[in-house]
Amino acid sequence: MGTETQHLTEDAKAILLLCCHFNSGKNTKAEKPLSLGEYNRLADWMVKGKLRPADLLQSPPDTDTLGAALNIDGLRIQGLLSRGAAMALAWRNGATVASGSFAAVMNGILRA
């Protein structure tokens, strides 16, 4: 990802890629971000496997494994994680994260 997102941790980048909309255009065919329930299933799976969100960026799990374990299309998760350019563009165009509350949420997720 570009320099625009360098001050985000790799965990934060992975979570944003999985859960945020970066292009709200009606004519885009972007992957639908994970719902809260879907992310919770993924987070539970990561905790059981002693993984962090950043691990999904470094070595994405097999799509069949994810699909079977989480009832979420593994190709969808791969597609969401591959949106680094869209995230960098959104960031450069003014997307922000409320750092205080985001940090609290991140700490809660990472401690789970």
Protein backbone atom coordinates (compact mmCIF):
# COMPACT_ATOMS: atom_id res chain seq x y z
CA MET A 1 0.00 0.00 0.00
CA GLY A 2 1.12 3.53 -0.60
CA THR A 3 2.66 6.07 1.69
CA GLU A 4 -0.78 7.50 2.42
CA THR A 5 -1.54 4.60 4.73
CA GLN A 6 1.91 3.98 6.19
CA HIS A 7 0.99 5.32 9.62
CA LEU A 8 -1.72 2.66 10.01
CA THR A 9 -0.67 -0.63 11.53
CA GLU A 10 -0.87 -3.69 9.31
CA ASP A 11 -3.69 -4.97 11.55
CA ALA A 12 -5.63 -1.73 11.02
CA LYS A 13 -5.10 -1.93 7.25
CA ALA A 14 -6.41 -5.50 7.14
CA ILE A 15 -9.50 -4.63 9.20
CA LEU A 16 -10.25 -1.58 7.09
CA LEU A 17 -9.85 -3.59 3.88
CA LEU A 18 -12.26 -6.21 5.18
CA CYS A 19 -14.89 -3.92 6.67
CA CYS A 20 -14.96 -0.55 4.88
CA HIS A 21 -16.49 0.82 1.71
CA PHE A 22 -13.95 2.71 -0.38
CA ASN A 23 -15.98 3.49 -3.48
CA SER A 24 -19.64 4.34 -3.15
CA GLY A 25 -20.22 4.70 -6.89
CA LYS A 26 -23.29 2.91 -8.19
CA ASN A 27 -21.49 1.58 -11.26
CA THR A 28 -18.73 -0.20 -9.37
CA LYS A 29 -18.59 -3.94 -8.98
CA ALA A 30 -16.72 -3.91 -5.70
CA GLU A 31 -16.81 -6.68 -3.13
CA LYS A 32 -19.30 -6.05 -0.34
CA PRO A 33 -17.40 -5.46 2.92
CA LEU A 34 -17.90 -7.94 5.73
CA SER A 35 -20.84 -7.39 8.01
CA LEU A 36 -20.28 -7.25 11.76
CA GLY A 37 -21.40 -10.86 12.12
CA GLU A 38 -19.10 -12.01 9.32
CA TYR A 39 -16.15 -10.14 10.79
CA ASN A 40 -16.92 -11.61 14.22
CA ARG A 41 -16.80 -15.13 12.75
CA LEU A 42 -13.51 -14.31 11.04
CA ALA A 43 -12.11 -12.80 14.26
CA ASP A 44 -13.11 -15.90 16.26
CA TRP A 45 -11.41 -18.08 13.63
CA MET A 46 -8.26 -15.93 13.80
CA VAL A 47 -8.16 -16.11 17.60
CA LYS A 48 -8.50 -19.90 17.53
CA GLY A 49 -5.69 -20.09 14.97
CA LYS A 50 -3.55 -17.58 16.91
CA LEU A 51 -3.61 -15.22 13.93
CA ARG A 52 -3.77 -11.45 13.72
CA PRO A 53 -5.55 -9.50 10.97
CA ALA A 54 -2.17 -8.57 9.45
CA ASP A 55 -1.44 -12.26 8.94
CA LEU A 56 -4.22 -12.35 6.35
CA LEU A 57 -2.30 -9.76 4.30
CA GLN A 58 1.02 -11.57 4.52
CA SER A 59 -0.20 -15.08 3.74
CA PRO A 60 -3.89 -15.30 2.92
CA PRO A 61 -5.48 -18.58 3.96
CA ASP A 62 -6.84 -20.99 1.42
CA THR A 63 -10.22 -19.82 0.11
CA ASP A 64 -11.78 -23.27 0.52
CA THR A 65 -10.65 -23.40 4.16
CA LEU A 66 -12.19 -20.01 4.86
CA GLY A 67 -15.42 -20.86 3.09
CA ALA A 68 -15.87 -24.09 4.99
CA ALA A 69 -14.84 -22.75 8.39
CA LEU A 70 -16.68 -19.43 8.29
CA ASN A 71 -19.52 -19.78 5.83
CA ILE A 72 -18.07 -16.76 4.00
CA ASP A 73 -16.90 -16.97 0.40
CA GLY A 74 -13.11 -17.18 0.61
CA LEU A 75 -12.77 -15.47 -2.77
CA ARG A 76 -14.73 -12.54 -1.38
CA ILE A 77 -12.28 -12.22 1.51
CA GLN A 78 -9.34 -12.37 -0.91
CA GLY A 79 -11.00 -9.71 -3.04
CA LEU A 80 -11.52 -7.45 -0.04
CA LEU A 81 -7.91 -7.86 1.07
CA SER A 82 -6.66 -6.98 -2.42
CA ARG A 83 -8.23 -3.50 -2.36
CA GLY A 84 -5.07 -1.75 -1.16
CA ALA A 85 -5.02 0.67 -4.08
CA ALA A 86 -8.66 1.65 -3.47
CA MET A 87 -7.91 2.21 0.21
CA ALA A 88 -4.85 4.35 -0.57
CA LEU A 89 -6.87 6.42 -3.05
CA ALA A 90 -9.69 6.91 -0.55
CA TRP A 91 -7.12 7.87 2.08
CA ARG A 92 -5.48 10.39 -0.22
CA ASN A 93 -8.89 11.84 -1.08
CA GLY A 94 -9.66 12.59 2.53
CA ALA A 95 -10.85 9.39 4.18
CA THR A 96 -10.06 9.46 7.88
CA VAL A 97 -10.39 7.18 10.84
CA ALA A 98 -11.42 8.58 14.21
CA SER A 99 -8.22 7.64 15.94
CA GLY A 100 -9.38 7.53 19.55
CA SER A 101 -12.42 5.34 19.06
CA PHE A 102 -10.71 3.32 16.35
CA ALA A 103 -7.83 2.57 18.70
CA ALA A 104 -10.28 1.39 21.37
CA VAL A 105 -12.06 -0.87 18.89
CA MET A 106 -8.76 -2.22 17.58
CA ASN A 107 -7.56 -2.97 21.11
CA GLY A 108 -10.78 -4.82 21.87
CA ILE A 109 -10.56 -6.85 18.66
CA LEU A 110 -6.90 -7.70 19.07
CA ARG A 111 -7.33 -8.75 22.70
CA ALA A 112 -10.17 -11.14 21.87
